[in-house]
Amino acid sequence: MWRVFFFLLGFGLMVVGCSYIITYLNLLTMGYSFSNYLHFIFGRVECLFSIIGFIMISVIILTSGRQNDDLYL
């Protein structure tokens, strides 16, 4: 049961983080260069949620099938 909880938590963090990354794409239309944009989003905590969520989902999927050599939730 805890695997499903952490999977859904990681998915929620990825959704929040990716939505902020997409929202901050408007900075490119205001004259920011792409390198400034990347520097800006890596400095924001809410954008790092997507990386944390991706790591959580990857760990849950890769460690859940150790008993039978299967990948499942």
PDB file of N, CA and C in Angstrom:
ATOM      1  N   MET A   1       0.815  -1.197   0.000  1.00  0.00           N
ATOM      2  CA  MET A   1       0.000   0.000   0.000  1.00  0.00           C
ATOM      3  C   MET A   1       0.864   1.270   0.000  1.00  0.00           C
ATOM      4  N   TRP A   2       1.995   1.194   0.676  1.00  0.00           N
ATOM      5  CA  TRP A   2       2.859   2.376   0.732  1.00  0.00           C
ATOM      6  C   TRP A   2       3.459   2.697  -0.628  1.00  0.00           C
ATOM      7  N   ARG A   3       3.627   1.654  -1.474  1.00  0.00           N
ATOM      8  CA  ARG A   3       4.165   1.898  -2.815  1.00  0.00           C
ATOM      9  C   ARG A   3       3.215   2.759  -3.639  1.00  0.00           C
ATOM     10  N   VAL A   4       1.929   2.460  -3.524  1.00  0.00           N
ATOM     11  CA  VAL A   4       0.927   3.224  -4.275  1.00  0.00           C
ATOM     12  C   VAL A   4       0.899   4.658  -3.783  1.00  0.00           C
ATOM     13  N   PHE A   5       0.997   4.852  -2.462  1.00  0.00           N
ATOM     14  CA  PHE A   5       1.007   6.205  -1.897  1.00  0.00           C
ATOM     15  C   PHE A   5       2.186   7.008  -2.420  1.00  0.00           C
ATOM     16  N   PHE A   6       3.377   6.435  -2.365  1.00  0.00           N
ATOM     17  CA  PHE A   6       4.558   7.168  -2.819  1.00  0.00           C
ATOM     18  C   PHE A   6       4.563   7.350  -4.339  1.00  0.00           C
ATOM     19  N   PHE A   7       3.991   6.380  -5.067  1.00  0.00           N
ATOM     20  CA  PHE A   7       3.876   6.549  -6.511  1.00  0.00           C
ATOM     21  C   PHE A   7       2.969   7.734  -6.838  1.00  0.00           C
ATOM     22  N   LEU A   8       1.812   7.806  -6.176  1.00  0.00           N
ATOM     23  CA  LEU A   8       0.894   8.918  -6.420  1.00  0.00           C
ATOM     24  C   LEU A   8       1.465  10.251  -5.933  1.00  0.00           C
ATOM     25  N   LEU A   9       2.208  10.221  -4.834  1.00  0.00           N
ATOM     26  CA  LEU A   9       2.862  11.440  -4.356  1.00  0.00           C
ATOM     27  C   LEU A   9       3.902  11.920  -5.361  1.00  0.00           C
ATOM     28  N   GLY A  10       4.702  11.001  -5.891  1.00  0.00           N
ATOM     29  CA  GLY A  10       5.694  11.364  -6.903  1.00  0.00           C
ATOM     30  C   GLY A  10       5.039  11.877  -8.170  1.00  0.00           C
ATOM     31  N   PHE A  11       3.918  11.260  -8.560  1.00  0.00           N
ATOM     32  CA  PHE A  11       3.204  11.717  -9.744  1.00  0.00           C
ATOM     33  C   PHE A  11       2.656  13.123  -9.523  1.00  0.00           C
ATOM     34  N   GLY A  12       2.106  13.380  -8.356  1.00  0.00           N
ATOM     35  CA  GLY A  12       1.598  14.717  -8.048  1.00  0.00           C
ATOM     36  C   GLY A  12       2.703  15.761  -8.054  1.00  0.00           C
ATOM     37  N   LEU A  13       3.864  15.422  -7.506  1.00  0.00           N
ATOM     38  CA  LEU A  13       4.991  16.358  -7.517  1.00  0.00           C
ATOM     39  C   LEU A  13       5.450  16.637  -8.941  1.00  0.00           C
ATOM     40  N   MET A  14       5.450  15.603  -9.778  1.00  0.00           N
ATOM     41  CA  MET A  14       5.842  15.822 -11.175  1.00  0.00           C
ATOM     42  C   MET A  14       4.857  16.728 -11.899  1.00  0.00           C
ATOM     43  N   VAL A  15       3.570  16.548 -11.637  1.00  0.00           N
ATOM     44  CA  VAL A  15       2.565  17.386 -12.292  1.00  0.00           C
ATOM     45  C   VAL A  15       2.726  18.834 -11.873  1.00  0.00           C
ATOM     46  N   VAL A  16       2.917  19.072 -10.575  1.00  0.00           N
ATOM     47  CA  VAL A  16       3.092  20.441 -10.087  1.00  0.00           C
ATOM     48  C   VAL A  16       4.356  21.065 -10.661  1.00  0.00           C
ATOM     49  N   GLY A  17       5.467  20.327 -10.617  1.00  0.00           N
ATOM     50  CA  GLY A  17       6.729  20.854 -11.126  1.00  0.00           C
ATOM     51  C   GLY A  17       6.711  21.140 -12.610  1.00  0.00           C
ATOM     52  N   CYS A  18       6.141  20.231 -13.384  1.00  0.00           N
ATOM     53  CA  CYS A  18       6.090  20.440 -14.834  1.00  0.00           C
ATOM     54  C   CYS A  18       5.139  21.566 -15.213  1.00  0.00           C
ATOM     55  N   SER A  19       4.071  21.742 -14.456  1.00  0.00           N
ATOM     56  CA  SER A  19       3.168  22.855 -14.770  1.00  0.00           C
ATOM     57  C   SER A  19       3.848  24.195 -14.496  1.00  0.00           C
ATOM     58  N   TYR A  20       4.673  24.280 -13.467  1.00  0.00           N
ATOM     59  CA  TYR A  20       5.421  25.517 -13.229  1.00  0.00           C
ATOM     60  C   TYR A  20       6.479  25.744 -14.314  1.00  0.00           C
ATOM     61  N   ILE A  21       7.130  24.677 -14.744  1.00  0.00           N
ATOM     62  CA  ILE A  21       8.129  24.816 -15.807  1.00  0.00           C
ATOM     63  C   ILE A  21       7.474  25.333 -17.079  1.00  0.00           C
ATOM     64  N   ILE A  22       6.309  24.796 -17.412  1.00  0.00           N
ATOM     65  CA  ILE A  22       5.597  25.262 -18.602  1.00  0.00           C
ATOM     66  C   ILE A  22       5.125  26.701 -18.418  1.00  0.00           C
ATOM     67  N   THR A  23       4.668  27.041 -17.225  1.00  0.00           N
ATOM     68  CA  THR A  23       4.217  28.408 -16.959  1.00  0.00           C
ATOM     69  C   THR A  23       5.366  29.406 -17.091  1.00  0.00           C
ATOM     70  N   TYR A  24       6.539  29.017 -16.598  1.00  0.00           N
ATOM     71  CA  TYR A  24       7.685  29.923 -16.669  1.00  0.00           C
ATOM     72  C   TYR A  24       8.251  30.050 -18.085  1.00  0.00           C
ATOM     73  N   LEU A  25       7.734  29.273 -19.043  1.00  0.00           N
ATOM     74  CA  LEU A  25       8.162  29.455 -20.435  1.00  0.00           C
ATOM     75  C   LEU A  25       7.796  30.839 -20.959  1.00  0.00           C
ATOM     76  N   ASN A  26       6.853  31.505 -20.299  1.00  0.00           N
ATOM     77  CA  ASN A  26       6.498  32.867 -20.698  1.00  0.00           C
ATOM     78  C   ASN A  26       7.661  33.840 -20.518  1.00  0.00           C
ATOM     79  N   LEU A  27       8.648  33.467 -19.709  1.00  0.00           N
ATOM     80  CA  LEU A  27       9.815  34.331 -19.541  1.00  0.00           C
ATOM     81  C   LEU A  27      10.604  34.464 -20.840  1.00  0.00           C
ATOM     82  N   LEU A  28      10.537  33.440 -21.678  1.00  0.00           N
ATOM     83  CA  LEU A  28      11.258  33.506 -22.944  1.00  0.00           C
ATOM     84  C   LEU A  28      10.677  34.576 -23.859  1.00  0.00           C
ATOM     85  N   THR A  29       9.377  34.819 -23.750  1.00  0.00           N
ATOM     86  CA  THR A  29       8.763  35.849 -24.586  1.00  0.00           C
ATOM     87  C   THR A  29       9.063  37.254 -24.070  1.00  0.00           C
ATOM     88  N   MET A  30       9.529  37.349 -22.826  1.00  0.00           N
ATOM     89  CA  MET A  30       9.842  38.666 -22.265  1.00  0.00           C
ATOM     90  C   MET A  30      11.306  39.036 -22.440  1.00  0.00           C
ATOM     91  N   GLY A  31      12.068  38.219 -23.175  1.00  0.00           N
ATOM     92  CA  GLY A  31      13.437  38.595 -23.485  1.00  0.00           C
ATOM     93  C   GLY A  31      14.506  37.786 -22.779  1.00  0.00           C
ATOM     94  N   TYR A  32      14.132  36.809 -21.962  1.00  0.00           N
ATOM     95  CA  TYR A  32      15.130  35.958 -21.320  1.00  0.00           C
ATOM     96  C   TYR A  32      15.743  35.041 -22.370  1.00  0.00           C
ATOM     97  N   SER A  33      17.027  34.767 -22.239  1.00  0.00           N
ATOM     98  CA  SER A  33      17.637  33.765 -23.112  1.00  0.00           C
ATOM     99  C   SER A  33      17.352  32.381 -22.526  1.00  0.00           C
ATOM    100  N   PHE A  34      17.618  31.346 -23.325  1.00  0.00           N
ATOM    101  CA  PHE A  34      17.314  29.997 -22.855  1.00  0.00           C
ATOM    102  C   PHE A  34      18.203  29.616 -21.671  1.00  0.00           C
ATOM    103  N   SER A  35      19.445  30.063 -21.656  1.00  0.00           N
ATOM    104  CA  SER A  35      20.335  29.759 -20.526  1.00  0.00           C
ATOM    105  C   SER A  35      19.874  30.479 -19.263  1.00  0.00           C
ATOM    106  N   ASN A  36      19.393  31.715 -19.393  1.00  0.00           N
ATOM    107  CA  ASN A  36      18.836  32.405 -18.230  1.00  0.00           C
ATOM    108  C   ASN A  36      17.586  31.705 -17.721  1.00  0.00           C
ATOM    109  N   TYR A  37      16.770  31.200 -18.648  1.00  0.00           N
ATOM    110  CA  TYR A  37      15.565  30.469 -18.276  1.00  0.00           C
ATOM    111  C   TYR A  37      15.914  29.206 -17.495  1.00  0.00           C
ATOM    112  N   LEU A  38      16.887  28.435 -17.985  1.00  0.00           N
ATOM    113  CA  LEU A  38      17.296  27.220 -17.282  1.00  0.00           C
ATOM    114  C   LEU A  38      17.863  27.536 -15.906  1.00  0.00           C
ATOM    115  N   HIS A  39      18.665  28.592 -15.829  1.00  0.00           N
ATOM    116  CA  HIS A  39      19.213  29.000 -14.536  1.00  0.00           C
ATOM    117  C   HIS A  39      18.092  29.396 -13.579  1.00  0.00           C
ATOM    118  N   PHE A  40      17.073  30.052 -14.089  1.00  0.00           N
ATOM    119  CA  PHE A  40      15.948  30.474 -13.259  1.00  0.00           C
ATOM    120  C   PHE A  40      15.147  29.281 -12.738  1.00  0.00           C
ATOM    121  N   ILE A  41      14.819  28.320 -13.619  1.00  0.00           N
ATOM    122  CA  ILE A  41      13.973  27.214 -13.165  1.00  0.00           C
ATOM    123  C   ILE A  41      14.721  26.238 -12.265  1.00  0.00           C
ATOM    124  N   PHE A  42      16.040  26.107 -12.426  1.00  0.00           N
ATOM    125  CA  PHE A  42      16.774  25.243 -11.510  1.00  0.00           C
ATOM    126  C   PHE A  42      16.949  25.883 -10.140  1.00  0.00           C
ATOM    127  N   GLY A  43      16.718  27.159 -10.031  1.00  0.00           N
ATOM    128  CA  GLY A  43      16.791  27.835  -8.744  1.00  0.00           C
ATOM    129  C   GLY A  43      15.470  27.886  -8.004  1.00  0.00           C
ATOM    130  N   ARG A  44      14.394  27.474  -8.646  1.00  0.00           N
ATOM    131  CA  ARG A  44      13.066  27.505  -8.037  1.00  0.00           C
ATOM    132  C   ARG A  44      12.735  26.137  -7.438  1.00  0.00           C
ATOM    133  N   VAL A  45      12.251  26.136  -6.195  1.00  0.00           N
ATOM    134  CA  VAL A  45      11.935  24.881  -5.515  1.00  0.00           C
ATOM    135  C   VAL A  45      10.771  24.176  -6.185  1.00  0.00           C
ATOM    136  N   GLU A  46       9.758  24.929  -6.599  1.00  0.00           N
ATOM    137  CA  GLU A  46       8.590  24.283  -7.190  1.00  0.00           C
ATOM    138  C   GLU A  46       8.906  23.633  -8.528  1.00  0.00           C
ATOM    139  N   CYS A  47       9.949  24.073  -9.205  1.00  0.00           N
ATOM    140  CA  CYS A  47      10.347  23.417 -10.446  1.00  0.00           C
ATOM    141  C   CYS A  47      11.168  22.154 -10.166  1.00  0.00           C
ATOM    142  N   LEU A  48      11.838  22.124  -9.041  1.00  0.00           N
ATOM    143  CA  LEU A  48      12.603  20.942  -8.680  1.00  0.00           C
ATOM    144  C   LEU A  48      11.700  19.808  -8.211  1.00  0.00           C
ATOM    145  N   PHE A  49      10.428  20.098  -7.936  1.00  0.00           N
ATOM    146  CA  PHE A  49       9.477  19.049  -7.573  1.00  0.00           C
ATOM    147  C   PHE A  49       9.343  18.018  -8.685  1.00  0.00           C
ATOM    148  N   SER A  50       9.491  18.440  -9.935  1.00  0.00           N
ATOM    149  CA  SER A  50       9.376  17.489 -11.036  1.00  0.00           C
ATOM    150  C   SER A  50      10.519  16.477 -11.007  1.00  0.00           C
ATOM    151  N   ILE A  51      11.712  16.915 -10.659  1.00  0.00           N
ATOM    152  CA  ILE A  51      12.852  16.006 -10.564  1.00  0.00           C
ATOM    153  C   ILE A  51      12.687  15.065  -9.377  1.00  0.00           C
ATOM    154  N   ILE A  52      12.248  15.608  -8.240  1.00  0.00           N
ATOM    155  CA  ILE A  52      12.029  14.790  -7.052  1.00  0.00           C
ATOM    156  C   ILE A  52      10.939  13.758  -7.313  1.00  0.00           C
ATOM    157  N   GLY A  53       9.860  14.172  -7.960  1.00  0.00           N
ATOM    158  CA  GLY A  53       8.787  13.246  -8.285  1.00  0.00           C
ATOM    159  C   GLY A  53       9.234  12.156  -9.234  1.00  0.00           C
ATOM    160  N   PHE A  54      10.037  12.511 -10.233  1.00  0.00           N
ATOM    161  CA  PHE A  54      10.551  11.518 -11.172  1.00  0.00           C
ATOM    162  C   PHE A  54      11.432  10.496 -10.461  1.00  0.00           C
ATOM    163  N   ILE A  55      12.257  10.958  -9.541  1.00  0.00           N
ATOM    164  CA  ILE A  55      13.121  10.046  -8.783  1.00  0.00           C
ATOM    165  C   ILE A  55      12.279   9.127  -7.908  1.00  0.00           C
ATOM    166  N   MET A  56      11.246   9.680  -7.266  1.00  0.00           N
ATOM    167  CA  MET A  56      10.382   8.850  -6.426  1.00  0.00           C
ATOM    168  C   MET A  56       9.685   7.767  -7.238  1.00  0.00           C
ATOM    169  N   ILE A  57       9.140   8.124  -8.385  1.00  0.00           N
ATOM    170  CA  ILE A  57       8.452   7.152  -9.222  1.00  0.00           C
ATOM    171  C   ILE A  57       9.429   6.091  -9.720  1.00  0.00           C
ATOM    172  N   SER A  58      10.613   6.497 -10.123  1.00  0.00           N
ATOM    173  CA  SER A  58      11.611   5.544 -10.622  1.00  0.00           C
ATOM    174  C   SER A  58      12.036   4.565  -9.539  1.00  0.00           C
ATOM    175  N   VAL A  59      12.257   5.068  -8.338  1.00  0.00           N
ATOM    176  CA  VAL A  59      12.669   4.189  -7.231  1.00  0.00           C
ATOM    177  C   VAL A  59      11.566   3.202  -6.892  1.00  0.00           C
ATOM    178  N   ILE A  60      10.329   3.663  -6.840  1.00  0.00           N
ATOM    179  CA  ILE A  60       9.219   2.775  -6.512  1.00  0.00           C
ATOM    180  C   ILE A  60       9.054   1.692  -7.581  1.00  0.00           C
ATOM    181  N   ILE A  61       9.136   2.055  -8.837  1.00  0.00           N
ATOM    182  CA  ILE A  61       8.955   1.067  -9.903  1.00  0.00           C
ATOM    183  C   ILE A  61      10.122   0.078  -9.939  1.00  0.00           C
ATOM    184  N   LEU A  62      11.338   0.553  -9.762  1.00  0.00           N
ATOM    185  CA  LEU A  62      12.495  -0.335  -9.874  1.00  0.00           C
ATOM    186  C   LEU A  62      12.699  -1.217  -8.655  1.00  0.00           C
ATOM    187  N   THR A  63      12.240  -0.803  -7.472  1.00  0.00           N
ATOM    188  CA  THR A  63      12.438  -1.619  -6.274  1.00  0.00           C
ATOM    189  C   THR A  63      11.247  -2.495  -5.944  1.00  0.00           C
ATOM    190  N   SER A  64      10.124  -2.327  -6.610  1.00  0.00           N
ATOM    191  CA  SER A  64       8.943  -3.097  -6.237  1.00  0.00           C
ATOM    192  C   SER A  64       8.973  -4.528  -6.756  1.00  0.00           C
ATOM    193  N   GLY A  65       9.713  -4.836  -7.784  1.00  0.00           N
ATOM    194  CA  GLY A  65       9.699  -6.160  -8.373  1.00  0.00           C
ATOM    195  C   GLY A  65      10.882  -7.024  -8.005  1.00  0.00           C
ATOM    196  N   ARG A  66      11.537  -6.775  -6.923  1.00  0.00           N
ATOM    197  CA  ARG A  66      12.740  -7.519  -6.575  1.00  0.00           C
ATOM    198  C   ARG A  66      12.457  -8.974  -6.212  1.00  0.00           C
ATOM    199  N   GLN A  67      11.276  -9.275  -5.717  1.00  0.00           N
ATOM    200  CA  GLN A  67      10.994 -10.636  -5.264  1.00  0.00           C
ATOM    201  C   GLN A  67      10.865 -11.600  -6.436  1.00  0.00           C
ATOM    202  N   ASN A  68      10.199 -11.192  -7.488  1.00  0.00           N
ATOM    203  CA  ASN A  68       9.941 -12.088  -8.617  1.00  0.00           C
ATOM    204  C   ASN A  68      10.623 -11.636  -9.898  1.00  0.00           C
ATOM    205  N   ASP A  69      11.521 -10.698  -9.819  1.00  0.00           N
ATOM    206  CA  ASP A  69      12.170 -10.108 -10.997  1.00  0.00           C
ATOM    207  C   ASP A  69      11.169  -9.499 -11.961  1.00  0.00           C
ATOM    208  N   ASP A  70      10.100  -8.946 -11.433  1.00  0.00           N
ATOM    209  CA  ASP A  70       9.079  -8.272 -12.218  1.00  0.00           C
ATOM    210  C   ASP A  70       9.049  -6.802 -11.875  1.00  0.00           C
ATOM    211  N   LEU A  71       8.581  -5.992 -12.816  1.00  0.00           N
ATOM    212  CA  LEU A  71       8.374  -4.577 -12.569  1.00  0.00           C
ATOM    213  C   LEU A  71       6.882  -4.328 -12.498  1.00  0.00           C
ATOM    214  N   TYR A  72       6.377  -4.121 -11.326  1.00  0.00           N
ATOM    215  CA  TYR A  72       4.955  -3.854 -11.146  1.00  0.00           C
ATOM    216  C   TYR A  72       4.752  -2.991  -9.912  1.00  0.00           C
ATOM    217  N   LEU A  73       3.579  -2.415  -9.803  1.00  0.00           N
ATOM    218  CA  LEU A  73       3.246  -1.623  -8.627  1.00  0.00           C
ATOM    219  C   LEU A  73       2.475  -2.503  -7.684  1.00  0.00           C
TER     220      LEU A  73
END
